[in-house]
Amino acid sequence: MAVWAFWGCLPFLAAALFTDIRFMRIPNWITFPLLIAGLNAQGIMNGRYGVLASISGAGTGFLLLLIMHLLGAVGAGDVKLFTGIGAWAGILFTLQVIVYSVLFGAVIGWVIVLARREAGSRIRGMISRSAGFLLLRDSPALRKSSGGLLKFPFMLAVIPGFICAYLYL
């Protein structure tokens, strides 16, 4: 990923971090300009190849985060945000940001669980849901209930994931 793409994405990510922390959502006025600016910047800097790389990256970010959204792991704003990141950065960098963000998200989630002293009940719940899923039985994991889900702004994991992906690329 080029330095200009990193710095081009960063203001949008900073705005998304602010709105995600404050309101637990990432609005379209951040995500759509991120996508359009990424497509335009890649087209200007790299011509047709840049536009194709931008579209491929956007598709990758969209599809992978859409799967995570359908599983209830992230919100729709995160899906659109990663579409924009993909438009700026291409497939490889987008994949790396997703992996790092999920890892940071897992660490943040466990810190929250441990701080709330909920580790035992969370582990029992995961085992119960996993066993029910594997046995194809009706389990809480298969229902549309979100009562017991741990929620925190995913941007708290995306920002360090984005920086780590850039540093280690």
Protein backbone atom coordinates (compact mmCIF):
# COMPACT_ATOMS: atom_id res chain seq x y z
CA MET A 1 0.00 0.00 0.00
CA ALA A 2 1.26 3.42 -0.90
CA VAL A 3 1.89 6.05 1.74
CA TRP A 4 -0.59 8.40 0.06
CA ALA A 5 -3.36 5.78 0.38
CA PHE A 6 -2.62 5.33 4.09
CA TRP A 7 -2.79 9.06 4.76
CA GLY A 8 -5.83 9.42 2.49
CA CYS A 9 -7.78 6.85 4.54
CA LEU A 10 -6.72 8.13 7.94
CA PRO A 11 -8.99 11.22 8.20
CA PHE A 12 -12.04 9.10 7.35
CA LEU A 13 -11.02 6.50 9.92
CA ALA A 14 -10.55 9.19 12.56
CA ALA A 15 -14.07 10.50 11.88
CA ALA A 16 -15.43 6.94 12.00
CA LEU A 17 -13.65 6.34 15.32
CA PHE A 18 -15.25 9.45 16.80
CA THR A 19 -18.79 8.61 15.66
CA ASP A 20 -18.45 4.93 16.59
CA ILE A 21 -17.30 5.74 20.12
CA ARG A 22 -19.87 8.50 20.58
CA PHE A 23 -22.94 6.96 18.89
CA MET A 24 -22.01 3.28 18.22
CA ARG A 25 -22.52 3.81 14.48
CA ILE A 26 -20.57 4.86 11.41
CA PRO A 27 -22.72 7.12 9.22
CA ASN A 28 -22.93 7.12 5.44
CA TRP A 29 -21.50 10.65 5.26
CA ILE A 30 -18.17 9.05 6.23
CA THR A 31 -18.30 5.75 4.36
CA PHE A 32 -19.53 6.84 0.93
CA PRO A 33 -17.02 9.69 0.50
CA LEU A 34 -14.31 7.23 1.64
CA LEU A 35 -15.32 4.84 -1.14
CA ILE A 36 -15.62 7.52 -3.84
CA ALA A 37 -12.35 9.20 -2.83
CA GLY A 38 -10.56 5.84 -2.87
CA LEU A 39 -11.82 4.97 -6.34
CA ASN A 40 -10.86 8.43 -7.64
CA ALA A 41 -7.45 8.46 -5.97
CA GLN A 42 -6.54 5.03 -7.31
CA GLY A 43 -7.73 6.05 -10.77
CA ILE A 44 -5.68 9.24 -10.74
CA MET A 45 -2.54 7.64 -9.31
CA ASN A 46 -2.58 4.30 -11.15
CA GLY A 47 -4.95 4.61 -14.09
CA ARG A 48 -7.08 1.64 -15.17
CA TYR A 49 -5.08 -0.79 -13.09
CA GLY A 50 -5.70 1.38 -10.03
CA VAL A 51 -9.45 1.46 -10.66
CA LEU A 52 -9.52 -2.34 -11.03
CA ALA A 53 -7.44 -2.79 -7.87
CA SER A 54 -9.74 -0.36 -6.08
CA ILE A 55 -12.89 -2.19 -7.15
CA SER A 56 -11.35 -5.54 -6.18
CA GLY A 57 -10.32 -4.24 -2.77
CA ALA A 58 -13.73 -2.68 -2.18
CA GLY A 59 -15.43 -5.95 -3.11
CA THR A 60 -13.17 -7.90 -0.78
CA GLY A 61 -13.82 -5.59 2.15
CA PHE A 62 -17.55 -5.61 1.46
CA LEU A 63 -17.94 -9.38 1.13
CA LEU A 64 -15.87 -10.36 4.15
CA LEU A 65 -17.44 -7.78 6.44
CA LEU A 66 -20.90 -8.61 5.10
CA ILE A 67 -20.35 -12.20 6.27
CA MET A 68 -19.27 -10.89 9.68
CA HIS A 69 -22.32 -8.60 9.74
CA LEU A 70 -24.67 -11.47 8.95
CA LEU A 71 -23.11 -13.41 11.84
CA GLY A 72 -23.81 -10.43 14.12
CA ALA A 73 -20.16 -9.58 14.73
CA VAL A 74 -20.11 -6.07 13.21
CA GLY A 75 -22.56 -3.39 12.16
CA ALA A 76 -23.53 -2.27 8.67
CA GLY A 77 -21.39 0.85 9.01
CA ASP A 78 -18.33 -1.35 9.46
CA VAL A 79 -19.22 -3.18 6.24
CA LYS A 80 -19.37 0.09 4.32
CA LEU A 81 -16.21 1.36 6.03
CA PHE A 82 -14.20 -1.68 4.93
CA THR A 83 -15.58 -1.26 1.42
CA GLY A 84 -14.00 2.19 1.44
CA ILE A 85 -10.74 0.95 2.95
CA GLY A 86 -10.59 -1.66 0.19
CA ALA A 87 -11.13 1.03 -2.43
CA TRP A 88 -8.12 2.95 -1.12
CA ALA A 89 -5.83 0.04 -0.34
CA GLY A 90 -6.63 -2.98 -2.51
CA ILE A 91 -7.19 -6.64 -1.66
CA LEU A 92 -4.04 -7.61 0.25
CA PHE A 93 -4.01 -4.66 2.61
CA THR A 94 -7.75 -4.95 3.22
CA LEU A 95 -7.38 -8.62 4.15
CA GLN A 96 -4.57 -7.76 6.54
CA VAL A 97 -6.58 -4.97 8.18
CA ILE A 98 -9.50 -7.36 8.67
CA VAL A 99 -7.29 -10.01 10.28
CA TYR A 100 -5.54 -7.53 12.57
CA SER A 101 -8.83 -5.84 13.48
CA VAL A 102 -10.44 -9.16 14.41
CA LEU A 103 -7.41 -10.03 16.56
CA PHE A 104 -7.47 -6.65 18.29
CA GLY A 105 -11.23 -6.99 18.69
CA ALA A 106 -10.81 -10.35 20.39
CA VAL A 107 -8.28 -8.89 22.82
CA ILE A 108 -10.53 -5.90 23.57
CA GLY A 109 -13.51 -8.21 24.06
CA TRP A 110 -11.63 -10.41 26.50
CA VAL A 111 -10.35 -7.39 28.43
CA ILE A 112 -13.95 -6.17 28.80
CA VAL A 113 -15.16 -9.63 29.83
CA LEU A 114 -12.37 -10.01 32.39
CA ALA A 115 -12.93 -6.50 33.73
CA ARG A 116 -16.63 -7.27 34.22
CA ARG A 117 -15.77 -10.64 35.79
CA GLU A 118 -17.94 -12.45 33.24
CA ALA A 119 -15.33 -14.88 31.90
CA GLY A 120 -16.85 -18.05 33.36
CA SER A 121 -20.37 -17.36 32.15
CA ARG A 122 -19.12 -16.25 28.72
CA ILE A 123 -17.04 -19.41 28.26
CA ARG A 124 -19.95 -21.62 29.33
CA GLY A 125 -22.22 -19.77 26.91
CA MET A 126 -19.75 -20.17 24.02
CA ILE A 127 -19.42 -23.90 24.71
CA SER A 128 -23.18 -24.28 24.92
CA ARG A 129 -23.79 -22.38 21.68
CA SER A 130 -20.98 -24.22 19.89
CA ALA A 131 -22.27 -27.62 20.99
CA GLY A 132 -25.80 -26.70 19.93
CA PHE A 133 -24.57 -25.45 16.56
CA LEU A 134 -22.45 -28.54 15.93
CA LEU A 135 -25.35 -30.83 16.82
CA LEU A 136 -27.63 -28.73 14.55
CA ARG A 137 -30.04 -28.18 17.38
CA ASP A 138 -31.97 -25.06 18.19
CA SER A 139 -29.49 -23.05 20.19
CA PRO A 140 -29.29 -19.40 21.27
CA ALA A 141 -26.53 -18.86 18.69
CA LEU A 142 -28.97 -19.64 15.91
CA ARG A 143 -31.66 -17.23 17.11
CA LYS A 144 -31.84 -13.54 16.34
CA SER A 145 -31.48 -12.53 19.99
CA SER A 146 -28.71 -10.09 20.83
CA GLY A 147 -29.34 -9.84 24.56
CA GLY A 148 -26.14 -11.57 25.65
CA LEU A 149 -23.81 -10.25 22.98
CA LEU A 150 -20.86 -8.14 24.04
CA LYS A 151 -20.88 -4.85 22.14
CA PHE A 152 -18.13 -2.26 21.82
CA PRO A 153 -17.11 0.17 19.05
CA PHE A 154 -15.29 -1.99 16.49
CA MET A 155 -13.30 1.08 15.43
CA LEU A 156 -11.31 0.60 18.66
CA ALA A 157 -9.93 -2.51 16.95
CA VAL A 158 -9.88 -1.20 13.37
CA ILE A 159 -7.54 1.74 14.00
CA PRO A 160 -4.74 -0.37 15.55
CA GLY A 161 -5.43 -3.07 12.94
CA PHE A 162 -5.06 -0.52 10.15
CA ILE A 163 -1.81 0.83 11.61
CA CYS A 164 -0.35 -2.65 12.21
CA ALA A 165 -1.22 -3.76 8.68
CA TYR A 166 0.53 -0.67 7.32
CA LEU A 167 3.61 -1.15 9.50
CA TYR A 168 3.99 -4.85 8.71
CA LEU A 169 3.13 -4.78 4.99
